[in-house]
Amino acid sequence: MKPRIGSFCLYSRDRPEDIRAFVRGWLQATTYWKANVQEGNTIISKALKIPKNTISFEGVNLTNLGENQKFFQSSNPHSFLAAMYNAKQEGRDRYCTN
């Protein structure tokens, strides 16, 4: 069986420390990149083997910790968690199961 996107749900439930470490690393990396654009572009260019002049923030919203926390709060009616709950209640959730 091929892994599905929904395997994230099981993974996040079973290995929350790994999810926290990933998110922490992502936020540190994007914060560094925003503060050091040229150096960040050089690092990304080397890692992805793409020309540096093709890397841009244009049209991209790299959220910070506060924005991410707001997005995942269950009290926010537009949050990721609210969307997942609503999908499950409406029988549209094919990714996460109990």
N, C-alpha and C. Protein backbone atom coordinates (compact mmCIF):
# COMPACT_ATOMS: atom_id res chain seq x y z
N MET A 1 0.84 -1.18 0.00
CA MET A 1 0.00 0.00 0.00
C MET A 1 0.88 1.24 0.00
N LYS A 2 0.60 2.17 -0.89
CA LYS A 2 1.35 3.43 -0.94
C LYS A 2 0.89 4.35 0.18
N PRO A 3 1.83 5.11 0.79
CA PRO A 3 1.41 6.07 1.81
C PRO A 3 0.53 7.14 1.18
N ARG A 4 -0.47 7.57 1.91
CA ARG A 4 -1.34 8.64 1.44
C ARG A 4 -1.06 9.90 2.24
N ILE A 5 -1.60 11.00 1.76
CA ILE A 5 -1.48 12.25 2.50
C ILE A 5 -2.02 12.06 3.90
N GLY A 6 -3.07 11.27 4.04
CA GLY A 6 -3.69 11.04 5.33
C GLY A 6 -2.78 10.36 6.34
N SER A 7 -1.70 9.73 5.88
CA SER A 7 -0.78 9.11 6.84
C SER A 7 -0.19 10.15 7.77
N PHE A 8 -0.23 11.43 7.36
CA PHE A 8 0.21 12.51 8.24
C PHE A 8 -0.60 12.52 9.53
N CYS A 9 -1.89 12.23 9.42
CA CYS A 9 -2.76 12.24 10.60
C CYS A 9 -2.29 11.21 11.62
N LEU A 10 -2.02 10.00 11.16
CA LEU A 10 -1.53 8.96 12.07
C LEU A 10 -0.15 9.31 12.60
N TYR A 11 0.69 9.79 11.72
CA TYR A 11 2.05 10.16 12.10
C TYR A 11 2.03 11.25 13.16
N SER A 12 1.19 12.26 12.96
CA SER A 12 1.15 13.37 13.91
C SER A 12 0.58 12.94 15.24
N ARG A 13 -0.33 12.00 15.23
CA ARG A 13 -0.89 11.50 16.47
C ARG A 13 0.10 10.61 17.22
N ASP A 14 0.84 9.78 16.48
CA ASP A 14 1.76 8.83 17.10
C ASP A 14 3.14 9.40 17.40
N ARG A 15 3.53 10.45 16.70
CA ARG A 15 4.89 11.00 16.87
C ARG A 15 4.87 12.52 16.96
N PRO A 16 4.17 13.06 17.94
CA PRO A 16 4.04 14.52 18.04
C PRO A 16 5.38 15.23 18.23
N GLU A 17 6.33 14.57 18.86
CA GLU A 17 7.63 15.21 19.05
C GLU A 17 8.35 15.44 17.73
N ASP A 18 8.16 14.56 16.79
CA ASP A 18 8.77 14.73 15.46
C ASP A 18 8.09 15.88 14.71
N ILE A 19 6.79 16.00 14.85
CA ILE A 19 6.07 17.11 14.21
C ILE A 19 6.54 18.43 14.80
N ARG A 20 6.67 18.50 16.13
CA ARG A 20 7.14 19.73 16.78
C ARG A 20 8.56 20.08 16.31
N ALA A 21 9.43 19.08 16.21
CA ALA A 21 10.80 19.33 15.76
C ALA A 21 10.82 19.84 14.31
N PHE A 22 9.99 19.25 13.46
CA PHE A 22 9.92 19.68 12.07
C PHE A 22 9.45 21.13 11.99
N VAL A 23 8.36 21.44 12.70
CA VAL A 23 7.82 22.80 12.66
C VAL A 23 8.82 23.80 13.23
N ARG A 24 9.47 23.45 14.32
CA ARG A 24 10.48 24.34 14.91
C ARG A 24 11.61 24.62 13.91
N GLY A 25 12.09 23.57 13.25
CA GLY A 25 13.14 23.74 12.25
C GLY A 25 12.68 24.57 11.07
N TRP A 26 11.45 24.34 10.61
CA TRP A 26 10.89 25.12 9.50
C TRP A 26 10.82 26.59 9.86
N LEU A 27 10.29 26.89 11.06
CA LEU A 27 10.16 28.28 11.47
C LEU A 27 11.51 28.96 11.64
N GLN A 28 12.49 28.24 12.17
CA GLN A 28 13.84 28.80 12.30
C GLN A 28 14.43 29.08 10.92
N ALA A 29 14.25 28.16 10.01
CA ALA A 29 14.81 28.32 8.66
C ALA A 29 14.16 29.49 7.93
N THR A 30 12.85 29.61 8.00
CA THR A 30 12.19 30.70 7.28
C THR A 30 12.48 32.05 7.92
N THR A 31 12.61 32.08 9.24
CA THR A 31 12.98 33.33 9.92
C THR A 31 14.38 33.76 9.48
N TYR A 32 15.30 32.82 9.42
CA TYR A 32 16.67 33.12 8.98
C TYR A 32 16.66 33.60 7.53
N TRP A 33 15.91 32.92 6.69
CA TRP A 33 15.86 33.26 5.27
C TRP A 33 15.32 34.68 5.07
N LYS A 34 14.26 35.02 5.79
CA LYS A 34 13.69 36.37 5.67
C LYS A 34 14.70 37.44 6.10
N ALA A 35 15.49 37.14 7.12
CA ALA A 35 16.47 38.11 7.64
C ALA A 35 17.75 38.14 6.82
N ASN A 36 18.03 37.09 6.05
CA ASN A 36 19.27 36.96 5.28
C ASN A 36 18.94 36.42 3.89
N VAL A 37 18.21 37.20 3.12
CA VAL A 37 17.66 36.74 1.85
C VAL A 37 18.74 36.22 0.90
N GLN A 38 19.78 36.98 0.69
CA GLN A 38 20.81 36.55 -0.28
C GLN A 38 21.50 35.26 0.16
N GLU A 39 21.87 35.19 1.43
CA GLU A 39 22.52 33.97 1.92
C GLU A 39 21.54 32.80 1.90
N GLY A 40 20.29 33.06 2.28
CA GLY A 40 19.27 32.01 2.22
C GLY A 40 19.06 31.50 0.81
N ASN A 41 19.02 32.41 -0.14
CA ASN A 41 18.87 32.01 -1.54
C ASN A 41 20.05 31.17 -2.01
N THR A 42 21.25 31.50 -1.55
CA THR A 42 22.44 30.71 -1.91
C THR A 42 22.32 29.30 -1.35
N ILE A 43 21.90 29.18 -0.10
CA ILE A 43 21.74 27.86 0.53
C ILE A 43 20.70 27.04 -0.22
N ILE A 44 19.57 27.65 -0.53
CA ILE A 44 18.49 26.95 -1.23
C ILE A 44 18.93 26.56 -2.64
N SER A 45 19.61 27.47 -3.30
CA SER A 45 20.10 27.21 -4.65
C SER A 45 21.01 25.98 -4.68
N LYS A 46 21.92 25.90 -3.73
CA LYS A 46 22.85 24.75 -3.67
C LYS A 46 22.10 23.47 -3.33
N ALA A 47 21.20 23.55 -2.35
CA ALA A 47 20.49 22.34 -1.91
C ALA A 47 19.58 21.77 -2.99
N LEU A 48 18.92 22.65 -3.72
CA LEU A 48 17.97 22.21 -4.75
C LEU A 48 18.56 22.14 -6.15
N LYS A 49 19.81 22.62 -6.25
CA LYS A 49 20.50 22.63 -7.55
C LYS A 49 19.69 23.40 -8.60
N ILE A 50 19.28 24.61 -8.20
CA ILE A 50 18.56 25.50 -9.12
C ILE A 50 19.25 26.86 -9.11
N PRO A 51 19.09 27.63 -10.17
CA PRO A 51 19.74 28.95 -10.22
C PRO A 51 19.21 29.87 -9.11
N LYS A 52 20.11 30.60 -8.49
CA LYS A 52 19.76 31.49 -7.39
C LYS A 52 18.76 32.56 -7.84
N ASN A 53 18.85 32.99 -9.08
CA ASN A 53 17.97 34.06 -9.55
C ASN A 53 16.53 33.58 -9.78
N THR A 54 16.27 32.30 -9.57
CA THR A 54 14.90 31.79 -9.73
C THR A 54 14.18 31.68 -8.38
N ILE A 55 14.85 32.03 -7.30
CA ILE A 55 14.27 31.92 -5.95
C ILE A 55 13.71 33.27 -5.54
N SER A 56 12.45 33.25 -5.06
CA SER A 56 11.79 34.51 -4.72
C SER A 56 10.72 34.28 -3.67
N PHE A 57 10.44 35.32 -2.88
CA PHE A 57 9.32 35.32 -1.94
C PHE A 57 8.03 35.76 -2.61
N GLU A 58 8.11 36.22 -3.84
CA GLU A 58 6.95 36.79 -4.52
C GLU A 58 5.79 35.79 -4.54
N GLY A 59 4.65 36.22 -4.01
CA GLY A 59 3.46 35.37 -3.98
C GLY A 59 3.47 34.31 -2.90
N VAL A 60 4.45 34.35 -2.01
CA VAL A 60 4.59 33.34 -0.96
C VAL A 60 4.42 34.00 0.40
N ASN A 61 3.62 33.40 1.27
CA ASN A 61 3.47 33.89 2.63
C ASN A 61 4.08 32.87 3.58
N LEU A 62 5.29 33.14 4.04
CA LEU A 62 5.95 32.27 5.01
C LEU A 62 5.52 32.74 6.40
N THR A 63 4.62 32.00 7.01
CA THR A 63 4.05 32.43 8.28
C THR A 63 5.02 32.24 9.44
N ASN A 64 4.85 33.08 10.45
CA ASN A 64 5.70 32.97 11.64
C ASN A 64 4.98 32.12 12.69
N LEU A 65 5.59 31.98 13.86
CA LEU A 65 5.03 31.14 14.91
C LEU A 65 3.63 31.61 15.32
N GLY A 66 3.45 32.90 15.55
CA GLY A 66 2.15 33.42 15.97
C GLY A 66 1.06 33.16 14.95
N GLU A 67 1.37 33.36 13.68
CA GLU A 67 0.39 33.11 12.62
C GLU A 67 0.03 31.63 12.54
N ASN A 68 1.04 30.76 12.71
CA ASN A 68 0.79 29.32 12.71
C ASN A 68 -0.06 28.90 13.89
N GLN A 69 0.24 29.44 15.06
CA GLN A 69 -0.55 29.09 16.24
C GLN A 69 -2.01 29.50 16.05
N LYS A 70 -2.23 30.68 15.49
CA LYS A 70 -3.60 31.13 15.25
C LYS A 70 -4.31 30.21 14.27
N PHE A 71 -3.60 29.78 13.24
CA PHE A 71 -4.18 28.92 12.22
C PHE A 71 -4.60 27.57 12.78
N PHE A 72 -3.90 27.08 13.80
CA PHE A 72 -4.19 25.76 14.35
C PHE A 72 -5.05 25.81 15.62
N GLN A 73 -5.47 26.98 16.07
CA GLN A 73 -6.32 27.07 17.26
C GLN A 73 -7.73 26.58 16.94
N SER A 74 -8.25 25.74 17.80
CA SER A 74 -9.60 25.23 17.56
C SER A 74 -10.66 26.32 17.71
N SER A 75 -10.34 27.41 18.42
CA SER A 75 -11.30 28.49 18.59
C SER A 75 -11.42 29.37 17.35
N ASN A 76 -10.50 29.23 16.41
CA ASN A 76 -10.54 29.99 15.16
C ASN A 76 -11.42 29.23 14.17
N PRO A 77 -12.57 29.78 13.77
CA PRO A 77 -13.48 29.06 12.87
C PRO A 77 -12.89 28.80 11.49
N HIS A 78 -11.80 29.48 11.14
CA HIS A 78 -11.17 29.28 9.83
C HIS A 78 -9.87 28.47 9.95
N SER A 79 -9.67 27.82 11.08
CA SER A 79 -8.42 27.12 11.32
C SER A 79 -8.37 25.78 10.59
N PHE A 80 -7.18 25.24 10.50
CA PHE A 80 -6.96 23.92 9.92
C PHE A 80 -7.76 22.87 10.70
N LEU A 81 -7.72 22.96 12.03
CA LEU A 81 -8.42 21.99 12.85
C LEU A 81 -9.93 22.07 12.64
N ALA A 82 -10.46 23.29 12.53
CA ALA A 82 -11.89 23.45 12.28
C ALA A 82 -12.26 22.86 10.93
N ALA A 83 -11.43 23.08 9.93
CA ALA A 83 -11.70 22.54 8.59
C ALA A 83 -11.70 21.02 8.61
N MET A 84 -10.73 20.42 9.32
CA MET A 84 -10.66 18.96 9.41
C MET A 84 -11.88 18.41 10.15
N TYR A 85 -12.27 19.06 11.25
CA TYR A 85 -13.44 18.62 12.02
C TYR A 85 -14.70 18.71 11.17
N ASN A 86 -14.88 19.83 10.48
CA ASN A 86 -16.06 20.00 9.64
C ASN A 86 -16.12 18.97 8.52
N ALA A 87 -14.98 18.69 7.92
CA ALA A 87 -14.93 17.69 6.85
C ALA A 87 -15.31 16.32 7.38
N LYS A 88 -14.82 15.99 8.56
CA LYS A 88 -15.13 14.69 9.16
C LYS A 88 -16.63 14.61 9.48
N GLN A 89 -17.19 15.68 10.04
CA GLN A 89 -18.61 15.70 10.39
C GLN A 89 -19.48 15.56 9.15
N GLU A 90 -19.04 16.09 8.04
CA GLU A 90 -19.82 16.07 6.80
C GLU A 90 -19.52 14.84 5.95
N GLY A 91 -18.65 13.96 6.46
CA GLY A 91 -18.32 12.74 5.72
C GLY A 91 -17.41 12.96 4.54
N ARG A 92 -16.75 14.12 4.49
CA ARG A 92 -15.87 14.42 3.36
C ARG A 92 -14.42 14.10 3.67
N ASP A 93 -14.13 13.69 4.89
CA ASP A 93 -12.74 13.48 5.29
C ASP A 93 -12.28 12.09 4.88
N ARG A 94 -11.51 12.02 3.83
CA ARG A 94 -10.98 10.74 3.39
C ARG A 94 -9.53 10.54 3.82
N TYR A 95 -8.98 11.51 4.57
CA TYR A 95 -7.58 11.44 4.96
C TYR A 95 -7.37 10.99 6.39
N CYS A 96 -8.18 11.48 7.31
CA CYS A 96 -7.98 11.15 8.73
C CYS A 96 -9.15 10.30 9.22
N THR A 97 -8.80 9.27 9.93
CA THR A 97 -9.82 8.43 10.55
C THR A 97 -9.45 8.22 12.00
N ASN A 98 -10.43 7.89 12.81
CA ASN A 98 -10.15 7.63 14.23
C ASN A 98 -9.57 6.25 14.40
